[in-house]
Each structure stands twice: as C-alpha cells, then as structure tokens.
Amino acid sequence: GGKIDLRLGPASESMRLLLAEGGGGSFDLVFIDANKADYDDYYEHALALLRRGGVVAVDNTLWGGRVLEAPAATADTAAIQAINDKLASDPRVSIVMLGIADGVTLCRKR
C-alpha cells in the first residue's frame, strides 16, 4: 500500500501481468484513458484488479457528443458506445457519469 509502480507498455499486457503477479482484488482505483478499441478489455482487467468498493474511472464517455451518432461514424465512437452500453447494464458495478470535459464514468465495484 501507498506506493506507485510505474509500468510502461501496452496497457492490456501490463494489466494481465499484474493479475498474474497476484494483484487481483488489490487496487482501489483504475483510470481508463487509452486506445478506445480496447476499452472493454481494459475494463474487464480493471474489475479483476479492483477490490470490492474500488472504482474504475472510464474517460471520454461523452466523446464530444458523438456517442449519440447512429450509426457510429468511426471505430472509436462505436467502441465508446459499446462500453457505455456495457457499463449501464453491468450488475457488477454501480455507475455515475460526470458531465465534465469529455465525460468520465465512475464505476464502483459491488
């Protein structure tokens, strides 16, 4: 507790390594702001890493209003729409969206 472990490299790979090293259930907060196409993978790893009551903060969930596009004009927009749909219906978390900047959704692990 109380220390920062800086890891540089692909986020999914780093998260898998943390889990393999026994880090599951030991994190208080995970902030997701990376490759939009991989948000779902990051989210699943984040839930595995979080302790009960921990929080995943998912950035860019308003995506400049583009989350309302139908159909999505880009792959990134489609990925943000998909993670928003998942977060809204995921029984493993309680969520709240903050309408600041490009949107941040806070997901508290149950």
Protein backbone atom coordinates (compact mmCIF):
# COMPACT_ATOMS: atom_id res chain seq x y z
CA GLY A 1 0.00 0.00 0.00
CA GLY A 2 0.92 3.59 -0.55
CA LYS A 3 3.37 3.16 -3.43
CA ILE A 4 3.29 3.75 -7.14
CA ASP A 5 4.54 1.05 -9.51
CA LEU A 6 5.15 2.67 -12.91
CA ARG A 7 4.80 0.28 -15.85
CA LEU A 8 5.38 1.39 -19.41
CA GLY A 9 3.98 -0.60 -22.32
CA PRO A 10 0.67 -1.83 -23.70
CA ALA A 11 -1.99 -1.45 -21.01
CA SER A 12 -3.66 -4.84 -21.53
CA GLU A 13 -0.31 -6.59 -21.26
CA SER A 14 0.59 -4.71 -18.08
CA MET A 15 -2.80 -5.48 -16.53
CA ARG A 16 -2.51 -9.19 -17.37
CA LEU A 17 0.94 -9.22 -15.79
CA LEU A 18 -0.39 -7.53 -12.63
CA LEU A 19 -3.07 -10.22 -12.37
CA ALA A 20 -0.51 -12.99 -12.95
CA GLU A 21 1.62 -11.49 -10.16
CA GLY A 22 -1.26 -11.82 -7.71
CA GLY A 23 -2.60 -8.27 -7.95
CA GLY A 24 -6.23 -9.29 -8.31
CA GLY A 25 -8.54 -7.56 -5.86
CA SER A 26 -5.83 -5.25 -4.57
CA PHE A 27 -6.42 -1.93 -6.37
CA ASP A 28 -8.56 0.98 -5.15
CA LEU A 29 -8.70 2.91 -8.43
CA VAL A 30 -8.12 2.21 -12.11
CA PHE A 31 -8.30 5.08 -14.64
CA ILE A 32 -9.00 4.10 -18.25
CA ASP A 33 -7.98 6.57 -20.97
CA ALA A 34 -6.20 4.75 -23.78
CA ASN A 35 -6.91 3.02 -27.08
CA LYS A 36 -10.71 3.23 -27.38
CA ALA A 37 -11.00 -0.09 -29.26
CA ASP A 38 -9.54 -1.84 -26.20
CA TYR A 39 -11.73 -0.17 -23.55
CA ASP A 40 -13.72 -3.37 -22.96
CA ASP A 41 -10.53 -5.38 -22.37
CA TYR A 42 -9.17 -2.71 -20.01
CA TYR A 43 -12.48 -2.62 -18.15
CA GLU A 44 -12.56 -6.40 -17.60
CA HIS A 45 -8.97 -6.41 -16.36
CA ALA A 46 -9.69 -3.40 -14.15
CA LEU A 47 -12.60 -5.19 -12.46
CA ALA A 48 -10.38 -8.18 -11.77
CA LEU A 49 -7.70 -5.92 -10.27
CA LEU A 50 -10.10 -3.89 -8.10
CA ARG A 51 -11.05 -4.68 -4.55
CA ARG A 52 -14.74 -4.64 -3.67
CA GLY A 53 -15.72 -0.97 -3.37
CA GLY A 54 -12.91 0.10 -5.71
CA VAL A 55 -13.57 2.44 -8.62
CA VAL A 56 -12.91 2.28 -12.35
CA ALA A 57 -12.92 5.74 -13.96
CA VAL A 58 -13.63 5.49 -17.68
CA ASP A 59 -12.68 8.64 -19.58
CA ASN A 60 -14.23 10.08 -22.77
CA THR A 61 -17.66 8.53 -22.25
CA LEU A 62 -19.43 11.56 -23.78
CA TRP A 63 -16.92 11.66 -26.66
CA GLY A 64 -17.79 15.18 -27.71
CA GLY A 65 -21.43 14.18 -28.17
CA ARG A 66 -20.50 11.63 -30.83
CA VAL A 67 -21.84 8.82 -28.61
CA LEU A 68 -25.26 9.76 -29.99
CA GLU A 69 -24.31 9.01 -33.60
CA ALA A 70 -26.34 6.27 -35.24
CA PRO A 71 -24.60 4.60 -36.85
CA ALA A 72 -21.23 5.49 -35.37
CA ALA A 73 -19.03 7.30 -37.89
CA THR A 74 -15.75 5.85 -36.54
CA ALA A 75 -14.49 2.71 -34.83
CA ASP A 76 -13.54 4.76 -31.75
CA THR A 77 -17.07 6.13 -31.48
CA ALA A 78 -18.52 2.62 -31.80
CA ALA A 79 -16.15 1.39 -29.07
CA ILE A 80 -17.23 4.19 -26.70
CA GLN A 81 -20.90 3.46 -27.45
CA ALA A 82 -20.32 -0.24 -26.71
CA ILE A 83 -18.57 0.38 -23.39
CA ASN A 84 -21.28 2.85 -22.35
CA ASP A 85 -23.95 0.22 -23.08
CA LYS A 86 -21.98 -2.36 -21.11
CA LEU A 87 -21.45 -0.08 -18.11
CA ALA A 88 -25.14 0.85 -18.00
CA SER A 89 -26.22 -2.79 -17.74
CA ASP A 90 -23.33 -4.37 -15.80
CA PRO A 91 -24.64 -5.73 -12.46
CA ARG A 92 -21.07 -5.93 -11.09
CA VAL A 93 -20.88 -2.15 -10.70
CA SER A 94 -22.82 0.94 -9.67
CA ILE A 95 -22.15 3.85 -12.02
CA VAL A 96 -22.39 7.61 -12.27
CA MET A 97 -21.42 9.72 -15.27
CA LEU A 98 -19.77 13.07 -14.68
CA GLY A 99 -20.56 15.52 -17.44
CA ILE A 100 -17.20 17.26 -17.18
CA ALA A 101 -14.95 17.77 -20.20
CA ASP A 102 -15.48 14.74 -22.48
CA GLY A 103 -17.31 12.73 -19.83
CA VAL A 104 -15.98 10.43 -17.11
CA THR A 105 -17.97 7.47 -15.87
CA LEU A 106 -17.19 6.23 -12.36
CA CYS A 107 -17.91 2.55 -11.76
CA ARG A 108 -17.89 1.30 -8.16
CA LYS A 109 -17.31 -2.45 -7.91
CA ARG A 110 -20.02 -4.19 -5.88
